[in-house]
Structure formats: structure tokens, C-alpha cells
Amino acid sequence: MIEKENVLQYAKRNNIKISEDDVDNALKTDRKEIINSIKDRYNYEIWDNKTPINGVKAEDIINSRNYKIGKAYLIYIDGDLVFFQDHNPEKSGYEKMTKVEAEKFAKKKINELIENCVDSIILNKIIN
């Protein structure tokens, strides 16, 4: 989430003239409306451990690890692969994921990416 004070400090450091009212008004932007306008750009799939990824054979991906991959997820933005996760991202070290866990983590990561995008859109509205 965007914090008003951080925006004002950034603007001051970069000699950008914005008022507190401008920031307040921009922060009132309906986040859900923005989310609805961009959410279709994001999707995920659970990797089958057989399909090549970005032209790299599945066998090469599997052999590049010093552990056995359980389930992995891939996240796409506008059809471009931006994220591959083959272990539990909330644990240190390697811990396999089940399909249910991979789907849960993929959805959570997409929500984080969307929230960051919404913040960027609102900040851009404030700064520009």
C-alpha cells in the first residue's frame, strides 16, 4: 500500500510539485476498479514436469536441480513467463509442493504482483 508521507518525501527529494490534496485524491482511487482492469493480464499454470519452458527441455530443467521437483508453478503476465517456482516459497531451503500448495502460492503471488501494479499505477497518477 502507498503511504502518503512516503509519496510526499519522494516528491520533495525529486523536486516534484504536488500538494497533499493531490496525493489524498489519488489515494482515494478505487483499487478494485484498477484490479478488475488488469487482472486478466496475469495467469498461472502448474508445470507437468514434461513440457519445455522457454525452449528449455523439461529434462534439462529437472537435471539442473540437485533435488527432485514436486510440483512447480509458472506465472505469466501478458502471456510472458515471468516467474517459475519449484519449491515452497515460504520455507527456507527446498521443500516440495503439492499441486494444491502450488496453486495456493501461485494465486498469492499473482495477488501480490497485481497489488504492486496497482500501486505503480496510482503513484504514476500522482507523480505525473
Protein backbone atom coordinates (compact mmCIF):
# COMPACT_ATOMS: atom_id res chain seq x y z
CA MET A 1 0.00 0.00 0.00
CA ILE A 2 1.06 3.52 -0.72
CA GLU A 3 1.73 5.77 2.22
CA LYS A 4 1.08 9.48 1.83
CA GLU A 5 4.18 10.59 3.72
CA ASN A 6 6.46 8.46 1.57
CA VAL A 7 4.98 9.96 -1.59
CA LEU A 8 5.40 13.50 -0.29
CA GLN A 9 9.01 12.81 0.74
CA TYR A 10 9.78 11.31 -2.67
CA ALA A 11 8.24 14.31 -4.42
CA LYS A 12 10.23 16.72 -2.29
CA ARG A 13 13.53 14.87 -2.88
CA ASN A 14 12.91 14.90 -6.62
CA ASN A 15 11.61 18.48 -6.86
CA ILE A 16 8.16 17.32 -7.95
CA LYS A 17 5.44 19.76 -7.06
CA ILE A 18 2.39 18.02 -5.71
CA SER A 19 0.03 19.02 -2.97
CA GLU A 20 -1.23 16.92 -0.11
CA ASP A 21 -4.69 17.20 -1.66
CA ASP A 22 -3.38 15.75 -4.93
CA VAL A 23 -1.93 12.80 -3.04
CA ASP A 24 -5.09 12.36 -0.94
CA ASN A 25 -7.29 12.37 -4.04
CA ALA A 26 -5.10 9.86 -5.87
CA LEU A 27 -5.02 7.58 -2.84
CA LYS A 28 -8.83 7.52 -2.90
CA THR A 29 -8.67 5.85 -6.31
CA ASP A 30 -10.81 2.73 -6.43
CA ARG A 31 -8.23 -0.06 -6.28
CA LYS A 32 -10.84 -2.68 -7.17
CA GLU A 33 -11.59 -0.90 -10.42
CA ILE A 34 -7.91 -0.97 -11.37
CA ILE A 35 -7.57 -4.59 -10.28
CA ASN A 36 -10.53 -5.57 -12.44
CA SER A 37 -8.99 -3.78 -15.41
CA ILE A 38 -5.64 -5.61 -15.17
CA LYS A 39 -6.26 -8.99 -13.52
CA ASP A 40 -6.79 -10.79 -16.84
CA ARG A 41 -3.19 -9.98 -17.76
CA TYR A 42 -1.99 -12.40 -15.04
CA ASN A 43 -2.31 -16.17 -15.02
CA TYR A 44 -0.52 -19.25 -13.81
CA GLU A 45 -0.18 -22.89 -14.64
CA ILE A 46 1.05 -25.88 -12.71
CA TRP A 47 4.00 -27.41 -14.52
CA ASP A 48 3.63 -31.04 -15.56
CA ASN A 49 7.41 -31.68 -15.34
CA LYS A 50 7.29 -32.66 -19.03
CA THR A 51 6.59 -29.51 -21.03
CA PRO A 52 9.60 -27.39 -22.09
CA ILE A 53 9.82 -23.94 -20.52
CA ASN A 54 11.02 -21.08 -22.75
CA GLY A 55 12.56 -23.59 -25.12
CA VAL A 56 14.40 -25.47 -22.38
CA LYS A 57 13.60 -29.17 -22.24
CA ALA A 58 11.92 -30.39 -19.07
CA GLU A 59 14.68 -32.98 -18.63
CA ASP A 60 17.31 -30.22 -18.63
CA ILE A 61 15.38 -28.22 -16.04
CA ILE A 62 14.95 -31.25 -13.82
CA ASN A 63 18.62 -32.25 -14.16
CA SER A 64 19.75 -28.70 -13.32
CA ARG A 65 18.45 -29.13 -9.78
CA ASN A 66 20.13 -31.07 -7.03
CA TYR A 67 16.71 -32.03 -5.69
CA LYS A 68 13.63 -33.76 -7.05
CA ILE A 69 10.96 -31.29 -8.15
CA GLY A 70 7.49 -31.97 -6.81
CA LYS A 71 5.02 -29.52 -8.29
CA ALA A 72 6.03 -26.16 -9.72
CA TYR A 73 4.09 -23.16 -10.91
CA LEU A 74 4.69 -20.69 -13.69
CA ILE A 75 3.28 -17.16 -13.67
CA TYR A 76 2.64 -15.25 -16.86
CA ILE A 77 1.97 -11.57 -17.42
CA ASP A 78 0.56 -10.73 -20.83
CA GLY A 79 1.48 -14.25 -21.94
CA ASP A 80 5.15 -13.84 -20.99
CA LEU A 81 6.65 -16.15 -18.39
CA VAL A 82 7.91 -14.03 -15.52
CA PHE A 83 8.13 -16.46 -12.64
CA PHE A 84 8.95 -20.14 -12.09
CA GLN A 85 8.74 -21.57 -8.59
CA ASP A 86 9.57 -25.22 -7.92
CA HIS A 87 9.56 -25.28 -4.13
CA ASN A 88 7.66 -23.80 -1.21
CA PRO A 89 8.47 -20.07 -1.27
CA GLU A 90 7.59 -19.62 2.39
CA LYS A 91 10.17 -22.07 3.71
CA SER A 92 13.93 -21.79 3.66
CA GLY A 93 15.76 -24.44 1.74
CA TYR A 94 13.94 -26.83 -0.54
CA GLU A 95 10.54 -28.18 0.34
CA LYS A 96 8.39 -29.83 -2.30
CA MET A 97 4.92 -28.52 -3.03
CA THR A 98 1.78 -30.46 -3.74
CA LYS A 99 -0.49 -29.33 -6.55
CA VAL A 100 -2.85 -27.72 -4.03
CA GLU A 101 0.02 -25.83 -2.39
CA ALA A 102 1.45 -24.75 -5.75
CA GLU A 103 -1.94 -23.36 -6.79
CA LYS A 104 -2.30 -21.54 -3.46
CA PHE A 105 1.17 -19.98 -3.72
CA ALA A 106 0.69 -19.07 -7.38
CA LYS A 107 -2.58 -17.26 -6.63
CA LYS A 108 -0.97 -15.50 -3.67
CA LYS A 109 1.99 -14.38 -5.80
CA ILE A 110 -0.31 -13.13 -8.55
CA ASN A 111 -2.28 -11.12 -6.00
CA GLU A 112 0.99 -9.57 -4.76
CA LEU A 113 2.06 -8.73 -8.31
CA ILE A 114 -1.32 -7.17 -9.05
CA GLU A 115 -1.23 -5.09 -5.86
CA ASN A 116 2.24 -3.85 -6.78
CA CYS A 117 1.00 -2.94 -10.25
CA VAL A 118 -1.97 -1.05 -8.77
CA ASP A 119 0.41 0.87 -6.51
CA SER A 120 2.54 1.75 -9.54
CA ILE A 121 -0.48 2.96 -11.49
CA ILE A 122 -1.62 5.16 -8.60
CA LEU A 123 1.90 6.50 -7.99
CA ASN A 124 2.23 7.30 -11.67
CA LYS A 125 -1.08 9.18 -11.48
CA ILE A 126 0.25 11.19 -8.52
CA ILE A 127 3.70 11.95 -9.90
CA ASN A 128 2.65 12.70 -13.47
